[in-house]
Structure formats: structure tokens, C-alpha cells
Amino acid sequence: MHIPSWLPALLLATLTGLAAPPSQRNIPPVPEIPRELRALWIATKGNIDWPSKPGLPVATQQQELRNLLDIARQTGLNAVILQVRPQGDAFYDSPLEPWSEYLTGREGTAPQPAWDPLTFAVREAHARGLELHAWINPFRAKSETSRSPIAPSNFAARRPDLARNYGNLVWLDPGEPAVRDHGLRVIADLVKRYDIDALHMDDYFYPYPIKDPVGRDVPFPDERSFAQYGRGLTLSDWRRANVDEFVHRSGDVVHRTKPWVQFGISPFGIWRPNYPQGIRGLDAFETLAADARRWLVEGWVDYLAPQLYWNIEQREQSFPALMSWWAAQNHLHRHLYAGIASARIGTDRTAQEIASQVRLVQSPGGANGLMLWNAGSLRANKGGVTDLLRSTVLRSPAVPPATPWRWTNAPALADFEVKVEGRTEVRASWDIRSTEPIRMFAVQVRRGVVWSFDVLPPDRREMRFRVSPSLPPPEEVRVTPIGRAGIAGKPGFWKRI
């Protein structure tokens, strides 16, 4: 019987934590685990992404969400941002706000049979090795897509004195302290009761301006709260102070409740016109009262994801110029992610443009990752973008960046070993001994002088490697557990001697 030359050594090899002395061959060192956030926005407002329409059977809603999570995983992403509070409502069983009409068809009507979509989403995302970021809109109470009456339990119905009609919107006035306090109670409840990885807000603080019949901006009706609380500030400065206070306190509430949960915001992609030189567009600092640069500079957020929804060659809204400018503001080295608009494929861009933007993010001096708007574009494979991303720029997997300024507890492996299964297969297996939850496993394998990398979901406890005359056996295997906040534990490793 022929015995492969590598078999005796492999049969004796188990993890001892001691690596063999370096070989005389030119063996490359163990590479660093690739770190990059790759996230997908899943919007529920107006049933943009999920569920496909309100009032569907629970099993249908669940399967639609599973499908989106599968697409994210198969495309090479590692996080989803699920909109759970689109307009003063909830896609979870909230004691503070009504069930969303986009789930059941009527605001305040509970799903039948009873289920909690956020509990389900967290479990299904984590089972696939995906982070789950819970996305809320803090001040919107009724949107232009709403068809249902505001429910009695909506804060705007309970406190109509704090709500403002603005065009076809109902907005909770950010200038009212009771409005900001209610938003913070919602955040604390959400973070406390659900195993989310991040609390996420987008760019809706003060609303985008609506126009009157002759095209002029209609002022937001906050004269009463400004008169009561303005404290001698200009209207513009007072509005920014309201938003700044809410952002700062939101991060504090998140981290006091669970220190490992990240707090992130996705603002409009232009802070102010002419920042950087030559940039034109909406002045979010003035119009939306959003001083997103300050939130990053002061370290109030764990990540900022500016919505850079323009093309690379669009000179006055240049994607690379804006990304570089935001990166230059990141003095505290928080995470900076680029919001990329795959939804606009077929209008003013191609799938290749999206892939090129991802390459810019991944280049030296780029960002720490990306967020794709939106899930529907990947589900439809717009312009072939899903296939293109998974076969090119997202082909090799990555682990989300760690947030060690918030959390340092690391998960632990146990009983790591490598065995031969017959003559044609090698099996690495492991267990865990850790009270720290595991989000995923990072697996590094060397055959000869080539390292490969993979990310496995947290329920995996083994990996098998085929061996053949043309495929040499593994010479090194390293499995690293990744816990909350992206913290890596001590790897289990084996090296053939």
C-alpha cells in the first residue's frame, strides 16, 4: 500500500500552541486577517427592499428576508443595515412605539401569528456570519409613502404639540427636549433588548426642504420651540445644537447600555459646498443642521458612512475627492465607510462604475469599508452588479474592522486539532470555550507558499481540505474566532513539521 510522504507527520500533528522552527524554504509569514466592512442597506420605508409589500404571510416575509441575507453573504458582504424604525414605528415588539404599517398594512396592528422581525433578523444574520446594524430614523413620524393613519401609540399622536406638519410629512420637532428624550428612550430599549452589532442613523435629522408652488424652500415650522429654547442663538446654530446634543447623547446611551455596540451615522455626502475645493451641492451643515464633520472629529460616532452617491468623474461631486476629504477629517481614526449607490445603475451609472468605486475604497488612503444602497439592486442583479462584485472586488472575503476603543473582550477556541480522513482529505476541527459570543471564524490556510483565506459562520466547527496529486496538503491552518465589536481571539493553529 502506498503511503503519501506527508501522511505520517500529519497523523501526529495536533495543536499544541507551539510552531515549528522556521523552514529553510522561503515560506511567507502569516498574513494579517483582511479587515473591511461590506454592508448592505435593507430599507423598509415604503417597502423599498423588504418586505415586498405589507401584510404578507409571516412565512413569506421571513423567507424574503432570508433571501436578502443569503444574497449579502454570497456577494461577499459581511453586514446588513436593517431599517427597524422608519417613521416613529417599529419592526420589532416595542413597548414605546406602534408596529409599522410597512409590516402589517396598518400602523399599530401587530403581526399574526405573533413574531418579532428584529429577533428573527439578528438570529438569521448572525447564523450567516453577518453583522446586524439596526437602522432608525429619529424624528420622522409619518413619511410621504405612508397610507395608514398614525396609531394612537405613535409619539406624534400622544404628543401632537411636539409634532409638525411639513408638506405631506409629520415630523417630531428636534428643538423640543421631550422629542429628543423620547428618541433616546427608544435607542436604549432597542440596544438593551436585542443582540445588535450597531445602532445606525441616516441623514434625516431636520427634513430635506420642500418647495412651494413657485419653487421656494418652505421653512420648517419650528418658530414656537425656537422662541422658547433658542437661548439667543441664531436659528441655524440652534438647530445644529439640537442635533449635536442628540447625536452626542445617543452615542452615550448606546455605549452605557452595551459598550460593545457601535454607534454609526450615514450623513449626506457633502458636509458643506467647497469642502473640498470645487465641490458643489446641498449644504447639509446649514440645510439639515447636520455637522457630520464635528461628530467624526469629536469621536461621537464609532463610524461615519457619508452617502457618496455620485460618479467618479462627476467633477463637482467627485466620489474620490469627497472620500479623501472625509478621510482627512478622521483624526481619531474612527471607522470611515463610503456609501455607494448601486441602486442608480441604469440611470447615470453602470455596474462597472460601482466596482471601480469599491476599488477606490480598497486602495491605500481609501476608507475602512463600504455600504451599498440598496438591497433591491443586488437582488435584481442590476446591470449584472451582483455577479460582478462577487467575482472581482468582493471575491476574497473580509472581516469587519474591530472597534477596540469600545470593547476588548475576545472569544476563545478549545480542542483544536487537525486530522487525516483517509488519503484524500484533511479535517481541521475545533470547539469553543467562551462566554463571549462568536460572530464568525477567520480561517487562514497555507499550501506550499500560498495562503488562502475564508470566513465561516459561527456555528461551524470544522473545515475539510481536499488533497490530490495536483493539490498539496495544508502545511499551516489557523482558525481565529471573531467576537463582538470585531475583536479577534487567540487563533487555533497547526503547522506541519
Protein backbone atom coordinates (compact mmCIF):
# COMPACT_ATOMS: atom_id res chain seq x y z
CA MET A 1 0.00 0.00 0.00
CA HIS A 2 1.38 3.39 -0.98
CA ILE A 3 1.53 5.87 1.91
CA PRO A 4 1.83 9.56 0.93
CA SER A 5 5.06 11.12 2.19
CA TRP A 6 3.21 13.77 4.14
CA LEU A 7 0.86 11.37 5.94
CA PRO A 8 2.96 10.24 8.95
CA ALA A 9 3.74 13.79 10.07
CA LEU A 10 0.17 14.87 9.61
CA LEU A 11 -1.17 11.97 11.63
CA LEU A 12 0.97 13.09 14.58
CA ALA A 13 0.08 16.78 14.29
CA THR A 14 -2.29 18.42 16.74
CA LEU A 15 -2.50 21.91 18.08
CA THR A 16 -0.01 22.48 20.90
CA GLY A 17 0.32 26.23 20.52
CA LEU A 18 3.99 25.80 19.57
CA ALA A 19 5.03 26.49 15.99
CA ALA A 20 7.85 24.56 14.38
CA PRO A 21 11.16 26.32 13.79
CA PRO A 22 11.22 28.33 10.56
CA SER A 23 11.96 26.29 7.50
CA GLN A 24 14.89 26.99 5.26
CA ARG A 25 12.41 27.43 2.44
CA ASN A 26 11.07 30.87 1.58
CA ILE A 27 7.78 30.44 3.40
CA PRO A 28 5.69 33.61 3.61
CA PRO A 29 4.65 34.78 7.08
CA VAL A 30 1.05 34.52 8.20
CA PRO A 31 -0.75 37.45 6.59
CA GLU A 32 -2.95 39.76 8.60
CA ILE A 33 -6.66 38.98 8.60
CA PRO A 34 -8.21 41.23 5.93
CA ARG A 35 -10.47 43.82 7.56
CA GLU A 36 -13.13 45.74 5.65
CA LEU A 37 -16.79 46.44 6.33
CA ARG A 38 -19.00 45.40 3.42
CA ALA A 39 -22.57 46.29 4.30
CA LEU A 40 -25.95 46.36 2.60
CA TRP A 41 -28.80 48.71 3.44
CA ILE A 42 -32.19 46.96 3.70
CA ALA A 43 -34.88 49.65 3.65
CA THR A 44 -38.38 49.02 4.96
CA LYS A 45 -39.87 52.50 4.45
CA GLY A 46 -42.37 52.26 1.62
CA ASN A 47 -41.38 48.58 1.31
CA ILE A 48 -38.36 49.65 -0.75
CA ASP A 49 -36.42 46.45 -0.05
CA TRP A 50 -38.35 44.38 2.47
CA PRO A 51 -40.97 43.10 2.87
CA SER A 52 -42.02 43.32 -0.77
CA LYS A 53 -45.43 44.59 0.35
CA PRO A 54 -47.20 44.99 3.69
CA GLY A 55 -49.45 42.35 5.16
CA LEU A 56 -47.79 39.31 3.60
CA PRO A 57 -47.98 36.00 5.47
CA VAL A 58 -45.30 35.73 8.13
CA ALA A 59 -43.63 32.78 6.41
CA THR A 60 -43.36 34.81 3.19
CA GLN A 61 -41.86 37.80 4.99
CA GLN A 62 -39.34 35.56 6.72
CA GLN A 63 -38.31 33.85 3.51
CA GLU A 64 -37.89 37.18 1.72
CA LEU A 65 -35.57 38.36 4.46
CA ARG A 66 -33.61 35.10 4.41
CA ASN A 67 -33.16 35.54 0.67
CA LEU A 68 -31.71 39.04 1.12
CA LEU A 69 -29.32 37.80 3.81
CA ASP A 70 -28.24 34.95 1.53
CA ILE A 71 -27.58 37.44 -1.27
CA ALA A 72 -25.47 39.56 1.06
CA ARG A 73 -23.42 36.57 2.16
CA GLN A 74 -23.00 35.16 -1.36
CA THR A 75 -21.94 38.56 -2.74
CA GLY A 76 -19.08 38.75 -0.25
CA LEU A 77 -20.64 41.17 2.24
CA ASN A 78 -20.32 40.86 6.00
CA ALA A 79 -23.01 43.16 7.40
CA VAL A 80 -26.57 44.32 6.81
CA ILE A 81 -28.20 47.56 7.95
CA LEU A 82 -31.87 46.83 8.57
CA GLN A 83 -34.31 49.73 8.90
CA VAL A 84 -36.30 48.94 12.03
CA ARG A 85 -37.84 52.34 12.81
CA PRO A 86 -38.71 54.10 9.55
CA GLN A 87 -41.20 56.65 10.97
CA GLY A 88 -41.91 56.61 14.67
CA ASP A 89 -42.93 52.96 14.38
CA ALA A 90 -41.23 49.62 14.87
CA PHE A 91 -40.26 46.43 13.06
CA TYR A 92 -39.87 44.85 16.48
CA ASP A 93 -42.04 44.32 19.54
CA SER A 94 -41.67 47.77 21.07
CA PRO A 95 -43.22 48.94 24.35
CA LEU A 96 -42.76 52.55 23.19
CA GLU A 97 -43.99 52.67 19.58
CA PRO A 98 -46.54 51.03 17.27
CA TRP A 99 -45.97 48.22 14.82
CA SER A 100 -45.06 49.52 11.37
CA GLU A 101 -47.65 49.71 8.63
CA TYR A 102 -44.96 48.52 6.21
CA LEU A 103 -45.01 45.19 8.03
CA THR A 104 -48.71 44.57 8.67
CA GLY A 105 -50.54 47.08 6.46
CA ARG A 106 -51.82 49.30 9.26
CA GLU A 107 -49.76 51.14 11.83
CA GLY A 108 -50.26 49.72 15.29
CA THR A 109 -51.58 46.36 14.09
CA ALA A 110 -49.46 43.50 15.40
CA PRO A 111 -48.39 40.68 13.07
CA GLN A 112 -50.45 37.49 13.16
CA PRO A 113 -49.27 34.98 14.10
CA ALA A 114 -47.08 36.91 16.52
CA TRP A 115 -43.39 37.18 15.72
CA ASP A 116 -40.57 39.67 16.23
CA PRO A 117 -38.86 40.53 12.93
CA LEU A 118 -35.78 42.00 14.59
CA THR A 119 -35.19 38.95 16.78
CA PHE A 120 -35.52 36.84 13.65
CA ALA A 121 -33.23 39.11 11.61
CA VAL A 122 -30.49 39.14 14.26
CA ARG A 123 -30.54 35.35 14.55
CA GLU A 124 -30.52 34.75 10.80
CA ALA A 125 -27.83 37.35 10.10
CA HIS A 126 -25.51 36.06 12.80
CA ALA A 127 -26.03 32.48 11.63
CA ARG A 128 -24.59 33.59 8.27
CA GLY A 129 -21.62 35.42 9.80
CA LEU A 130 -23.18 38.83 9.09
CA GLU A 131 -23.25 41.78 11.46
CA LEU A 132 -26.71 43.28 12.03
CA HIS A 133 -26.90 47.08 12.32
CA ALA A 134 -30.32 48.36 13.45
CA TRP A 135 -31.22 51.49 11.47
CA ILE A 136 -33.57 54.10 12.94
CA ASN A 137 -34.94 57.45 11.81
CA PRO A 138 -35.13 59.52 14.98
CA PHE A 139 -37.53 62.37 14.11
CA ARG A 140 -39.74 61.27 11.22
CA ALA A 141 -43.27 60.36 12.39
CA LYS A 142 -45.06 59.97 9.04
CA SER A 143 -43.48 59.81 5.59
CA GLU A 144 -44.72 60.54 2.11
CA THR A 145 -45.15 56.81 1.48
CA SER A 146 -47.44 56.29 4.48
CA ARG A 147 -51.02 55.21 3.72
CA SER A 148 -52.13 54.34 7.24
CA PRO A 149 -53.41 56.71 9.93
CA ILE A 150 -50.95 57.45 12.71
CA ALA A 151 -51.60 54.98 15.50
CA PRO A 152 -52.58 56.24 18.97
CA SER A 153 -49.32 54.87 20.40
CA ASN A 154 -47.18 56.85 17.95
CA PHE A 155 -45.40 59.62 19.89
CA ALA A 156 -46.76 62.18 17.41
CA ALA A 157 -50.31 61.13 18.35
CA ARG A 158 -49.57 61.07 22.08
CA ARG A 159 -47.86 64.46 21.97
CA PRO A 160 -49.33 66.36 19.00
CA ASP A 161 -47.97 69.58 20.49
CA LEU A 162 -44.46 68.34 19.64
CA ALA A 163 -45.23 67.24 16.06
CA ARG A 164 -45.03 69.47 13.00
CA ASN A 165 -46.83 69.07 9.69
CA TYR A 166 -44.39 69.74 6.88
CA GLY A 167 -45.82 69.16 3.42
CA ASN A 168 -47.03 65.57 3.43
CA LEU A 169 -44.72 64.70 6.31
CA VAL A 170 -45.26 64.66 10.05
CA TRP A 171 -42.02 65.49 11.85
CA LEU A 172 -41.16 65.40 15.52
CA ASP A 173 -39.56 68.77 16.27
CA PRO A 174 -35.88 68.20 17.16
CA GLY A 175 -35.94 71.51 19.05
CA GLU A 176 -38.25 70.08 21.68
CA PRO A 177 -36.30 68.45 24.55
CA ALA A 178 -39.12 65.92 25.09
CA VAL A 179 -38.73 64.75 21.48
CA ARG A 180 -35.01 64.15 21.90
CA ASP A 181 -35.61 62.40 25.22
CA HIS A 182 -38.16 60.08 23.61
CA GLY A 183 -35.68 59.18 20.87
CA LEU A 184 -33.09 58.30 23.48
CA ARG A 185 -35.55 56.04 25.31
CA VAL A 186 -36.22 54.24 22.05
CA ILE A 187 -32.48 53.77 21.46
CA ALA A 188 -31.86 52.48 24.99
CA ASP A 189 -34.73 49.98 24.73
CA LEU A 190 -33.60 48.75 21.32
CA VAL A 191 -29.97 48.26 22.33
CA LYS A 192 -30.86 46.66 25.65
CA ARG A 193 -33.25 44.02 24.32
CA TYR A 194 -31.65 42.96 21.04
CA ASP A 195 -28.24 41.46 20.22
CA ILE A 196 -27.46 44.02 17.53
CA ASP A 197 -23.93 44.94 16.46
CA ALA A 198 -24.59 48.63 15.83
CA LEU A 199 -27.21 51.37 16.14
CA HIS A 200 -27.36 53.24 12.83
CA MET A 201 -28.93 56.56 11.76
CA ASP A 202 -29.07 58.06 8.31
CA ASP A 203 -29.24 61.72 7.20
CA TYR A 204 -32.79 62.64 8.30
CA PHE A 205 -32.44 64.97 11.28
CA TYR A 206 -34.15 68.15 10.13
CA PRO A 207 -36.05 67.29 6.93
CA TYR A 208 -34.86 67.99 3.43
CA PRO A 209 -36.59 71.21 2.27
CA ILE A 210 -39.85 71.01 0.38
CA LYS A 211 -40.79 73.60 -2.25
CA ASP A 212 -43.77 75.91 -2.54
CA PRO A 213 -45.63 76.26 -5.88
CA VAL A 214 -43.09 78.80 -7.18
CA GLY A 215 -40.08 76.73 -6.20
CA ARG A 216 -39.03 78.40 -2.96
CA ASP A 217 -37.98 76.43 0.11
CA VAL A 218 -40.76 76.14 2.67
CA PRO A 219 -39.44 76.95 6.17
CA PHE A 220 -39.66 74.18 8.74
CA PRO A 221 -42.33 75.28 11.27
CA ASP A 222 -40.32 75.37 14.49
CA GLU A 223 -40.93 79.02 15.45
CA ARG A 224 -42.56 78.09 18.75
CA SER A 225 -39.79 75.84 20.01
CA PHE A 226 -37.13 78.31 18.80
CA ALA A 227 -38.81 81.14 20.70
CA GLN A 228 -38.89 79.02 23.86
CA TYR A 229 -35.47 77.33 23.71
CA GLY A 230 -33.36 79.39 21.31
CA ARG A 231 -31.19 80.88 24.08
CA GLY A 232 -30.08 83.82 21.93
CA LEU A 233 -28.61 81.63 19.18
CA THR A 234 -29.33 82.10 15.50
CA LEU A 235 -31.93 79.70 14.14
CA SER A 236 -29.23 77.86 12.18
CA ASP A 237 -26.87 77.47 15.16
CA TRP A 238 -29.73 76.44 17.46
CA ARG A 239 -30.88 73.69 15.12
CA ARG A 240 -27.35 72.32 14.85
CA ALA A 241 -27.01 72.44 18.63
CA ASN A 242 -30.18 70.36 18.94
CA VAL A 243 -28.88 67.72 16.55
CA ASP A 244 -25.39 67.76 18.06
CA GLU A 245 -26.80 67.21 21.54
CA PHE A 246 -28.95 64.34 20.31
CA VAL A 247 -26.06 62.68 18.46
CA HIS A 248 -23.70 63.00 21.41
CA ARG A 249 -26.25 61.66 23.89
CA SER A 250 -27.25 58.85 21.53
CA GLY A 251 -23.72 57.50 21.46
CA ASP A 252 -23.53 57.75 25.23
CA VAL A 253 -26.80 55.84 25.64
CA VAL A 254 -25.69 53.11 23.24
CA HIS A 255 -22.35 52.58 24.96
CA ARG A 256 -23.69 52.80 28.51
CA THR A 257 -26.29 50.17 27.65
CA LYS A 258 -23.89 47.81 25.84
CA PRO A 259 -20.33 49.04 25.39
CA TRP A 260 -19.60 46.70 22.51
CA VAL A 261 -22.45 48.01 20.31
CA GLN A 262 -21.23 50.50 17.73
CA PHE A 263 -22.92 53.81 17.00
CA GLY A 264 -22.82 54.96 13.40
CA ILE A 265 -24.35 57.60 11.16
CA SER A 266 -24.64 57.86 7.39
CA PRO A 267 -24.86 61.58 6.59
CA PHE A 268 -25.33 63.35 3.28
CA GLY A 269 -22.05 63.02 1.40
CA ILE A 270 -21.23 66.75 1.22
CA TRP A 271 -20.54 68.47 4.54
CA ARG A 272 -20.53 71.97 3.00
CA PRO A 273 -20.05 73.24 -0.55
CA ASN A 274 -16.39 73.85 -1.44
CA TYR A 275 -15.20 71.21 1.04
CA PRO A 276 -13.05 70.11 -0.68
CA GLN A 277 -12.34 72.87 -3.18
CA GLY A 278 -14.70 72.88 -6.14
CA ILE A 279 -17.41 70.69 -4.62
CA ARG A 280 -20.98 71.88 -5.21
CA GLY A 281 -24.27 70.62 -3.80
CA LEU A 282 -26.61 70.74 -0.83
CA ASP A 283 -25.21 72.37 2.30
CA ALA A 284 -26.09 69.69 4.86
CA PHE A 285 -24.46 71.73 7.65
CA GLU A 286 -26.92 74.57 7.03
CA THR A 287 -29.96 72.90 5.47
CA LEU A 288 -30.20 69.69 7.51
CA ALA A 289 -28.48 71.11 10.64
CA ALA A 290 -26.06 68.19 10.34
CA ASP A 291 -22.49 68.96 11.38
CA ALA A 292 -21.27 65.48 10.48
CA ARG A 293 -17.65 66.60 10.39
CA ARG A 294 -17.87 67.52 14.07
CA TRP A 295 -19.33 64.13 15.02
CA LEU A 296 -16.32 62.45 13.40
CA VAL A 297 -13.70 64.88 14.71
CA GLU A 298 -15.05 64.73 18.27
CA GLY A 299 -15.29 60.93 18.21
CA TRP A 300 -19.02 60.86 18.99
CA VAL A 301 -19.52 58.09 16.44
CA ASP A 302 -17.76 54.77 16.02
CA TYR A 303 -18.24 55.04 12.29
CA LEU A 304 -19.34 57.57 9.73
CA ALA A 305 -20.60 56.47 6.31
CA PRO A 306 -21.09 59.54 4.08
CA GLN A 307 -23.51 58.89 1.25
CA LEU A 308 -21.15 59.37 -1.70
CA TYR A 309 -23.81 58.71 -4.29
CA TRP A 310 -22.05 60.36 -7.24
CA ASN A 311 -19.82 59.11 -10.04
CA ILE A 312 -16.04 59.10 -10.07
CA GLU A 313 -15.84 61.54 -12.98
CA GLN A 314 -18.57 63.87 -11.66
CA ARG A 315 -16.29 66.86 -11.11
CA GLU A 316 -18.44 68.97 -8.77
CA GLN A 317 -19.47 65.95 -6.65
CA SER A 318 -16.40 63.80 -7.16
CA PHE A 319 -16.58 60.43 -5.39
CA PRO A 320 -12.78 60.13 -4.83
CA ALA A 321 -12.35 63.78 -3.85
CA LEU A 322 -15.11 63.57 -1.25
CA MET A 323 -13.88 60.25 0.11
CA SER A 324 -10.37 61.66 0.51
CA TRP A 325 -11.70 64.80 2.21
CA TRP A 326 -13.70 62.81 4.75
CA ALA A 327 -10.68 60.58 5.41
CA ALA A 328 -8.57 63.67 6.14
CA GLN A 329 -11.07 64.73 8.85
CA ASN A 330 -10.80 61.38 10.65
CA HIS A 331 -8.12 62.44 13.15
CA LEU A 332 -9.25 59.98 15.84
CA HIS A 333 -9.18 57.05 13.41
CA ARG A 334 -12.79 56.06 13.78
CA HIS A 335 -14.16 53.86 11.01
CA LEU A 336 -14.96 55.65 7.76
CA TYR A 337 -17.16 53.87 5.23
CA ALA A 338 -18.22 55.02 1.77
CA GLY A 339 -21.91 54.90 0.92
CA ILE A 340 -22.20 53.68 -2.69
CA ALA A 341 -25.39 53.92 -4.77
CA SER A 342 -25.74 50.65 -6.64
CA ALA A 343 -29.47 51.49 -6.90
CA ARG A 344 -28.63 54.08 -9.58
CA ILE A 345 -27.31 51.54 -12.06
CA GLY A 346 -29.19 52.02 -15.29
CA THR A 347 -29.81 55.72 -14.72
CA ASP A 348 -26.48 57.54 -14.52
CA ARG A 349 -24.00 54.69 -13.97
CA THR A 350 -23.05 51.12 -14.77
CA ALA A 351 -22.17 48.15 -12.63
CA GLN A 352 -18.55 48.71 -13.63
CA GLU A 353 -18.71 52.18 -12.07
CA ILE A 354 -19.79 50.59 -8.77
CA ALA A 355 -16.92 48.10 -8.93
CA SER A 356 -14.49 50.94 -9.66
CA GLN A 357 -15.75 52.83 -6.60
CA VAL A 358 -15.21 49.75 -4.46
CA ARG A 359 -11.63 49.54 -5.78
CA LEU A 360 -11.06 53.14 -4.72
CA VAL A 361 -12.35 52.31 -1.23
CA GLN A 362 -9.94 49.37 -1.07
CA SER A 363 -6.94 51.34 -2.31
CA PRO A 364 -4.32 52.85 0.05
CA GLY A 365 -5.72 56.01 1.59
CA GLY A 366 -9.30 54.90 0.93
CA ALA A 367 -11.94 54.09 3.51
CA ASN A 368 -12.37 51.23 6.00
CA GLY A 369 -15.21 49.74 4.01
CA LEU A 370 -18.40 50.42 2.11
CA MET A 371 -22.16 50.37 2.38
CA LEU A 372 -24.26 49.58 -0.68
CA TRP A 373 -27.55 51.30 -1.31
CA ASN A 374 -29.58 49.18 -1.68
CA ALA A 375 -30.58 45.52 -1.21
CA GLY A 376 -33.05 45.66 -4.09
CA SER A 377 -30.29 46.43 -6.59
CA LEU A 378 -28.36 43.32 -5.57
CA ARG A 379 -31.48 41.17 -5.52
CA ALA A 380 -32.28 42.30 -9.09
CA ASN A 381 -28.60 41.99 -10.09
CA LYS A 382 -28.93 45.42 -11.73
CA GLY A 383 -26.66 45.61 -14.73
CA GLY A 384 -25.00 42.41 -13.53
CA VAL A 385 -23.64 44.20 -10.43
CA THR A 386 -24.09 41.28 -8.02
CA ASP A 387 -22.22 38.89 -10.28
CA LEU A 388 -19.52 41.47 -10.97
CA LEU A 389 -18.88 42.31 -7.32
CA ARG A 390 -18.72 38.69 -6.16
CA SER A 391 -16.35 37.71 -8.98
CA THR A 392 -13.99 40.70 -8.70
CA VAL A 393 -13.66 43.27 -5.90
CA LEU A 394 -15.53 41.23 -3.26
CA ARG A 395 -14.25 37.83 -4.33
CA SER A 396 -11.93 37.43 -1.36
CA PRO A 397 -13.78 37.64 1.97
CA ALA A 398 -13.05 40.09 4.78
CA VAL A 399 -13.84 40.54 8.45
CA PRO A 400 -15.45 43.79 9.70
CA PRO A 401 -12.98 46.19 11.32
CA ALA A 402 -12.52 45.90 15.07
CA THR A 403 -13.64 48.64 17.44
CA PRO A 404 -11.19 48.23 20.33
CA TRP A 405 -11.90 51.70 21.76
CA ARG A 406 -15.31 50.30 22.77
CA TRP A 407 -14.66 46.65 23.62
CA THR A 408 -11.68 44.34 24.06
CA ASN A 409 -13.14 41.04 25.32
CA ALA A 410 -12.05 38.24 22.98
CA PRO A 411 -13.68 34.85 22.34
CA ALA A 412 -11.72 31.65 22.83
CA LEU A 413 -11.31 28.36 20.98
CA ALA A 414 -10.84 24.92 22.54
CA ASP A 415 -9.78 21.44 21.38
CA PHE A 416 -8.29 22.50 18.05
CA GLU A 417 -6.87 19.61 16.06
CA VAL A 418 -6.02 18.58 12.52
CA LYS A 419 -6.58 15.01 11.36
CA VAL A 420 -6.32 12.91 8.22
CA GLU A 421 -9.53 11.50 6.80
CA GLY A 422 -8.38 8.62 4.59
CA ARG A 423 -5.79 9.59 1.97
CA THR A 424 -7.54 12.43 0.20
CA GLU A 425 -8.87 14.73 2.87
CA VAL A 426 -7.60 16.71 5.86
CA ARG A 427 -10.01 17.88 8.53
CA ALA A 428 -9.48 20.76 10.94
CA SER A 429 -11.95 20.82 13.84
CA TRP A 430 -12.40 22.97 16.90
CA ASP A 431 -14.75 23.85 19.70
CA ILE A 432 -15.24 26.99 21.74
CA ARG A 433 -14.88 27.78 25.40
CA SER A 434 -16.06 31.31 25.74
CA THR A 435 -18.88 33.32 27.25
CA GLU A 436 -18.13 35.93 24.59
CA PRO A 437 -20.38 35.34 21.57
CA ILE A 438 -18.68 34.45 18.31
CA ARG A 439 -19.77 36.31 15.19
CA MET A 440 -17.61 34.39 12.69
CA PHE A 441 -14.39 32.41 12.22
CA ALA A 442 -11.47 33.66 10.14
CA VAL A 443 -9.66 30.71 8.53
CA GLN A 444 -6.16 31.00 7.04
CA VAL A 445 -4.60 28.04 5.21
CA ARG A 446 -1.18 27.68 3.60
CA ARG A 447 -0.47 25.12 0.90
CA GLY A 448 3.15 25.42 -0.19
CA VAL A 449 3.86 29.16 -0.33
CA VAL A 450 0.28 30.26 -0.99
CA TRP A 451 -2.05 31.46 1.77
CA SER A 452 -5.82 31.35 1.31
CA PHE A 453 -8.48 32.97 3.47
CA ASP A 454 -12.11 32.25 4.25
CA VAL A 455 -14.76 33.40 6.71
CA LEU A 456 -17.09 30.84 8.28
CA PRO A 457 -20.36 31.38 10.16
CA PRO A 458 -20.30 30.91 13.96
CA ASP A 459 -21.98 27.50 14.05
CA ARG A 460 -19.18 25.85 12.02
CA ARG A 461 -16.81 23.63 13.96
CA GLU A 462 -14.75 22.09 11.18
CA MET A 463 -13.28 22.64 7.75
CA ARG A 464 -12.23 19.95 5.26
CA PHE A 465 -9.45 20.25 2.70
CA ARG A 466 -9.16 18.01 -0.33
CA VAL A 467 -5.77 16.54 -1.21
CA SER A 468 -4.70 15.17 -4.60
CA PRO A 469 -1.54 14.84 -6.70
CA SER A 470 -2.16 18.36 -8.03
CA LEU A 471 -3.39 19.80 -4.73
CA PRO A 472 -0.87 19.51 -1.90
CA PRO A 473 -2.00 19.09 1.69
CA PRO A 474 -2.21 22.08 4.01
CA GLU A 475 1.03 22.96 5.75
CA GLU A 476 -0.45 25.53 8.11
CA VAL A 477 -4.01 26.07 9.34
CA ARG A 478 -5.10 28.95 11.56
CA VAL A 479 -8.66 29.49 12.83
CA THR A 480 -9.34 32.78 14.61
CA PRO A 481 -12.62 33.39 16.44
CA ILE A 482 -14.09 36.87 15.86
CA GLY A 483 -16.34 38.20 18.61
CA ARG A 484 -18.41 41.28 19.29
CA ALA A 485 -17.05 44.60 18.00
CA GLY A 486 -14.88 42.58 15.60
CA ILE A 487 -12.46 41.56 18.35
CA ALA A 488 -10.24 38.61 17.42
CA GLY A 489 -9.46 35.87 19.91
CA LYS A 490 -6.31 33.79 20.07
CA PRO A 491 -6.15 31.56 17.00
CA GLY A 492 -6.05 27.80 16.99
CA PHE A 493 -3.17 26.87 14.75
CA TRP A 494 -1.29 23.90 13.38
CA LYS A 495 1.90 23.72 11.36
CA ARG A 496 3.22 20.57 9.68
CA ILE A 497 6.75 19.85 10.81
